[in-house]
């Protein structure tokens, strides 16, 4: 790590015990706006700014990957005006921020069923992924029209097709093979999940990938989740004893 990273990292955080991959469920945009007498879309705008700042913070502090749950398969049930605004917001943000993220060595990925999204947004997403594919600063993954059960079913269907065509024996199907057919096949599993606004559930997000992730829940609404709040989440994470189902060798049986 370079000296610039050491100077940015808060002194009470252990550089060697930082999560390498953080996942976030960005909850509370609408409630944040309503509590201020603002329309829900104002909360989404502020939430986008918060996500941009968190991405920069992760990069500054040496965290290698950030995955954000931006739009679930269930979110289509929201009012059409809100859904339309979110799609337009995604597209405008990509158009406006792509050059800067590219300069900052951000590699952008999108996971989910992107085929259901507006064609212009799909085009912008593809352009973003292609342009940043070789960047090494931080891997930024955005889950859009994403549902984990759908992802797992899709992976099982692809594996079943291989067996049906005789390209694979059923006995060869294992966890590693299934993982190769998930959207996240090239990304290490999250070490830490953060969910804001007081909700304490996974909401169909990365169910397979977060088998051993540490989970951190906070009452803070997402638009207010700043560097200080992230700092507290990391301190909490560093106080966890991650054994991955094992017993530490220093303990007696």
Protein backbone atom coordinates (compact mmCIF):
# COMPACT_ATOMS: atom_id res chain seq x y z
CA UNK A 1 0.00 0.00 0.00
CA UNK A 2 1.23 3.48 -0.76
CA UNK A 3 1.74 6.29 1.75
CA UNK A 4 -1.23 8.22 0.35
CA UNK A 5 -3.56 5.39 1.39
CA UNK A 6 -2.07 5.30 4.88
CA UNK A 7 -2.69 9.04 5.24
CA UNK A 8 -6.37 8.73 4.25
CA UNK A 9 -7.30 5.70 6.35
CA UNK A 10 -8.63 6.58 9.84
CA UNK A 11 -6.02 5.76 12.47
CA UNK A 12 -8.29 3.39 14.40
CA UNK A 13 -8.87 1.11 11.41
CA UNK A 14 -6.55 -1.84 10.81
CA UNK A 15 -5.39 -1.79 7.20
CA UNK A 16 -4.85 -5.55 7.20
CA UNK A 17 -8.37 -6.33 8.47
CA UNK A 18 -10.44 -4.23 6.10
CA UNK A 19 -13.13 -6.02 4.08
CA UNK A 20 -12.02 -6.47 0.51
CA UNK A 21 -15.59 -6.46 -0.81
CA UNK A 22 -18.46 -4.43 0.67
CA UNK A 23 -22.09 -4.87 -0.43
CA UNK A 24 -24.76 -2.28 0.35
CA UNK A 25 -28.57 -2.32 0.41
CA UNK A 26 -29.35 1.39 0.02
CA UNK A 27 -32.58 1.70 1.95
CA UNK A 28 -34.48 4.77 3.12
CA UNK A 29 -34.29 7.22 0.21
CA UNK A 30 -38.05 7.76 0.14
CA UNK A 31 -38.42 8.06 3.91
CA UNK A 32 -35.48 10.51 4.02
CA UNK A 33 -37.26 12.72 1.49
CA UNK A 34 -40.69 12.42 3.10
CA UNK A 35 -39.29 13.39 6.50
CA UNK A 36 -38.08 16.63 4.91
CA UNK A 37 -41.29 17.37 3.05
CA UNK A 38 -39.65 16.53 -0.28
CA UNK A 39 -40.80 14.24 -3.11
CA UNK A 40 -39.39 10.70 -3.06
CA UNK A 41 -37.30 11.41 -6.15
CA UNK A 42 -35.29 13.94 -4.15
CA UNK A 43 -34.25 11.08 -1.88
CA UNK A 44 -33.08 9.05 -4.87
CA UNK A 45 -31.02 11.99 -6.14
CA UNK A 46 -29.33 12.41 -2.76
CA UNK A 47 -28.89 8.66 -2.48
CA UNK A 48 -26.98 8.65 -5.77
CA UNK A 49 -24.62 11.30 -4.36
CA UNK A 50 -24.11 9.19 -1.25
CA UNK A 51 -23.24 6.14 -3.36
CA UNK A 52 -20.71 8.15 -5.37
CA UNK A 53 -19.05 9.36 -2.15
CA UNK A 54 -18.97 5.83 -0.70
CA UNK A 55 -17.33 4.53 -3.87
CA UNK A 56 -14.63 7.17 -3.57
CA UNK A 57 -14.20 6.41 0.13
CA UNK A 58 -13.74 2.68 -0.56
CA UNK A 59 -11.11 3.47 -3.16
CA UNK A 60 -9.34 5.93 -0.83
CA UNK A 61 -9.23 3.40 2.00
CA UNK A 62 -8.05 0.44 -0.08
CA UNK A 63 -11.28 -1.57 -0.33
CA UNK A 64 -11.18 -3.42 -3.64
CA UNK A 65 -14.87 -3.99 -4.46
CA UNK A 66 -18.24 -2.34 -3.81
CA UNK A 67 -21.57 -3.85 -4.87
CA UNK A 68 -24.76 -1.77 -4.61
CA UNK A 69 -28.36 -3.01 -4.78
CA UNK A 70 -29.88 -0.31 -6.98
CA UNK A 71 -33.09 -1.88 -8.32
CA UNK A 72 -34.60 -5.25 -7.49
CA UNK A 73 -36.91 -7.41 -9.59
CA UNK A 74 -39.64 -6.47 -7.08
CA UNK A 75 -39.11 -2.73 -7.54
CA UNK A 76 -41.13 -2.77 -10.79
CA UNK A 77 -44.19 -2.75 -8.51
CA UNK A 78 -43.45 0.80 -7.41
CA UNK A 79 -45.42 3.71 -8.95
CA UNK A 80 -44.61 4.02 -12.66
CA UNK A 81 -43.48 7.63 -12.24
CA UNK A 82 -40.86 6.56 -9.69
CA UNK A 83 -39.64 3.65 -11.80
CA UNK A 84 -39.34 5.87 -14.88
CA UNK A 85 -37.42 8.45 -12.85
CA UNK A 86 -35.01 5.80 -11.54
CA UNK A 87 -34.29 4.50 -15.04
CA UNK A 88 -33.63 8.02 -16.27
CA UNK A 89 -31.48 8.75 -13.20
CA UNK A 90 -29.33 5.65 -13.83
CA UNK A 91 -28.80 6.68 -17.45
CA UNK A 92 -27.99 10.31 -16.67
CA UNK A 93 -25.57 9.38 -13.90
CA UNK A 94 -23.70 6.99 -16.16
CA UNK A 95 -23.50 9.58 -18.91
CA UNK A 96 -22.32 12.30 -16.53
CA UNK A 97 -19.98 10.31 -14.27
CA UNK A 98 -18.40 7.77 -16.64
CA UNK A 99 -15.41 9.88 -17.66
CA UNK A 100 -14.56 10.73 -14.05
CA UNK A 101 -14.92 7.13 -12.87
CA UNK A 102 -12.73 6.00 -15.74
CA UNK A 103 -10.04 8.50 -14.72
CA UNK A 104 -10.25 7.20 -11.16
CA UNK A 105 -9.62 3.62 -12.38
CA UNK A 106 -13.11 2.34 -11.47
CA UNK A 107 -14.14 -0.90 -13.19
CA UNK A 108 -17.92 -0.92 -13.63
CA UNK A 109 -20.12 -4.02 -13.83
CA UNK A 110 -23.89 -4.52 -13.86
CA UNK A 111 -25.64 -7.67 -12.68
CA UNK A 112 -29.28 -8.69 -13.12
CA UNK A 113 -31.64 -9.22 -16.03
CA UNK A 114 -30.60 -6.16 -18.02
CA UNK A 115 -32.72 -7.19 -21.03
CA UNK A 116 -35.85 -5.72 -19.39
CA UNK A 117 -34.31 -2.24 -19.08
CA UNK A 118 -34.79 0.61 -21.55
CA UNK A 119 -32.60 0.12 -24.64
CA UNK A 120 -30.85 3.47 -24.20
CA UNK A 121 -29.91 2.50 -20.63
CA UNK A 122 -28.66 -0.90 -21.79
CA UNK A 123 -26.47 0.85 -24.35
CA UNK A 124 -25.02 3.19 -21.73
CA UNK A 125 -24.37 0.27 -19.39
CA UNK A 126 -22.57 -1.71 -22.07
CA UNK A 127 -20.46 1.33 -22.96
CA UNK A 128 -19.55 1.84 -19.30
CA UNK A 129 -18.50 -1.78 -18.81
CA UNK A 130 -16.47 -1.88 -22.02
CA UNK A 131 -14.68 1.41 -21.40
CA UNK A 132 -13.67 0.56 -17.83
CA UNK A 133 -13.01 -3.18 -18.22
CA UNK A 134 -9.24 -2.89 -17.70
CA UNK A 135 -9.32 -0.50 -14.74
CA UNK A 136 -7.70 -1.72 -11.52
CA UNK A 137 -8.62 0.89 -8.87
CA UNK A 138 -11.87 -0.61 -7.54
CA UNK A 139 -14.54 -2.95 -8.91
CA UNK A 140 -17.93 -1.23 -8.71
CA UNK A 141 -20.88 -3.56 -9.33
CA UNK A 142 -24.46 -2.29 -9.59
CA UNK A 143 -27.35 -4.74 -9.24
CA UNK A 144 -30.21 -3.60 -11.51
CA UNK A 145 -33.37 -5.64 -12.07
CA UNK A 146 -31.64 -8.15 -9.85
CA UNK A 147 -33.13 -10.94 -7.75
CA UNK A 148 -30.93 -13.59 -6.16
CA UNK A 149 -33.44 -16.43 -6.41
CA UNK A 150 -33.84 -15.69 -10.11
CA UNK A 151 -30.04 -15.65 -10.48
CA UNK A 152 -29.67 -19.05 -8.77
CA UNK A 153 -32.51 -20.56 -10.82
CA UNK A 154 -30.88 -19.22 -13.98
CA UNK A 155 -27.55 -20.82 -13.03
CA UNK A 156 -29.25 -24.16 -12.29
CA UNK A 157 -31.05 -24.03 -15.63
CA UNK A 158 -27.77 -23.44 -17.48
CA UNK A 159 -26.10 -26.35 -15.67
CA UNK A 160 -29.11 -28.58 -16.37
CA UNK A 161 -28.86 -27.75 -20.07
CA UNK A 162 -25.22 -28.86 -20.08
CA UNK A 163 -26.23 -32.17 -18.50
CA UNK A 164 -29.11 -32.56 -20.95
CA UNK A 165 -26.79 -32.05 -23.92
CA UNK A 166 -24.38 -34.64 -22.56
CA UNK A 167 -21.61 -32.08 -21.99
CA UNK A 168 -21.63 -32.67 -18.24
CA UNK A 169 -22.32 -35.57 -15.90
CA UNK A 170 -24.72 -34.95 -13.02
CA UNK A 171 -22.04 -36.21 -10.61
CA UNK A 172 -19.81 -33.29 -11.67
CA UNK A 173 -22.28 -30.65 -10.46
CA UNK A 174 -20.88 -28.95 -7.36
CA UNK A 175 -20.82 -25.54 -5.70
CA UNK A 176 -17.89 -24.31 -7.77
CA UNK A 177 -19.68 -25.18 -11.00
CA UNK A 178 -22.86 -23.37 -9.94
CA UNK A 179 -20.81 -20.31 -8.96
CA UNK A 180 -19.36 -20.19 -12.46
CA UNK A 181 -22.88 -19.58 -13.80
CA UNK A 182 -23.80 -16.78 -11.39
CA UNK A 183 -23.66 -13.14 -12.48
CA UNK A 184 -20.80 -12.62 -10.01
CA UNK A 185 -18.53 -15.37 -11.25
CA UNK A 186 -15.50 -13.06 -11.56
CA UNK A 187 -15.98 -11.28 -8.23
CA UNK A 188 -14.91 -12.48 -4.74
CA UNK A 189 -17.75 -12.94 -2.28
CA UNK A 190 -18.68 -9.94 -0.09
CA UNK A 191 -17.01 -9.76 3.32
CA UNK A 192 -19.44 -7.18 4.68
CA UNK A 193 -23.07 -6.31 3.96
CA UNK A 194 -24.39 -2.93 5.08
CA UNK A 195 -28.10 -2.17 5.12
CA UNK A 196 -29.43 1.23 6.11
CA UNK A 197 -32.74 2.62 7.47
CA UNK A 198 -33.30 0.06 10.23
CA UNK A 199 -34.44 -2.84 8.02
CA UNK A 200 -32.82 -6.18 8.90
CA UNK A 201 -33.31 -8.57 6.01
CA UNK A 202 -31.53 -9.54 2.79
CA UNK A 203 -34.42 -8.80 0.42
CA UNK A 204 -33.32 -11.37 -2.17
CA UNK A 205 -29.82 -9.86 -2.53
CA UNK A 206 -26.74 -12.06 -3.17
CA UNK A 207 -28.17 -14.97 -1.17
CA UNK A 208 -25.58 -17.45 -2.42
CA UNK A 209 -22.64 -15.05 -2.32
CA UNK A 210 -23.24 -13.84 1.24
CA UNK A 211 -23.17 -17.24 2.92
CA UNK A 212 -20.36 -16.04 5.21
CA UNK A 213 -20.63 -12.26 4.94
CA UNK A 214 -20.72 -10.20 8.12
CA UNK A 215 -23.91 -8.10 8.32
CA UNK A 216 -24.21 -4.58 9.65
CA UNK A 217 -27.55 -2.83 10.08
CA UNK A 218 -28.00 0.84 10.91
CA UNK A 219 -31.01 3.09 11.46
CA UNK A 220 -29.43 5.83 9.33
CA UNK A 221 -31.31 6.54 6.10
CA UNK A 222 -29.16 5.90 3.04
CA UNK A 223 -28.84 9.57 1.94
CA UNK A 224 -27.26 10.33 5.34
CA UNK A 225 -24.81 7.41 5.24
CA UNK A 226 -21.57 9.43 5.05
CA UNK A 227 -17.91 8.59 5.65
CA UNK A 228 -18.36 8.80 9.42
CA UNK A 229 -21.17 6.24 9.28
CA UNK A 230 -19.09 3.97 7.02
CA UNK A 231 -16.17 4.35 9.44
CA UNK A 232 -18.40 3.06 12.26
CA UNK A 233 -19.50 0.11 10.13
CA UNK A 234 -15.89 -0.84 9.47
CA UNK A 235 -14.98 -0.54 13.14
CA UNK A 236 -17.85 -2.88 13.94
CA UNK A 237 -16.69 -5.30 11.24
CA UNK A 238 -13.16 -5.34 12.60
CA UNK A 239 -14.53 -6.37 15.98
CA UNK A 240 -16.05 -9.54 14.51
CA UNK A 241 -14.44 -12.98 14.87
CA UNK A 242 -14.69 -14.51 11.39
CA UNK A 243 -14.26 -18.30 11.70
CA UNK A 244 -16.18 -19.46 8.59
CA UNK A 245 -17.68 -22.38 10.56
CA UNK A 246 -14.33 -23.46 12.00
CA UNK A 247 -12.89 -23.43 15.51
CA UNK A 248 -9.69 -21.44 15.97
CA UNK A 249 -6.64 -23.60 16.56
CA UNK A 250 -5.84 -21.76 19.78
CA UNK A 251 -9.07 -23.06 21.36
CA UNK A 252 -9.41 -26.49 22.84
CA UNK A 253 -11.91 -28.88 21.27
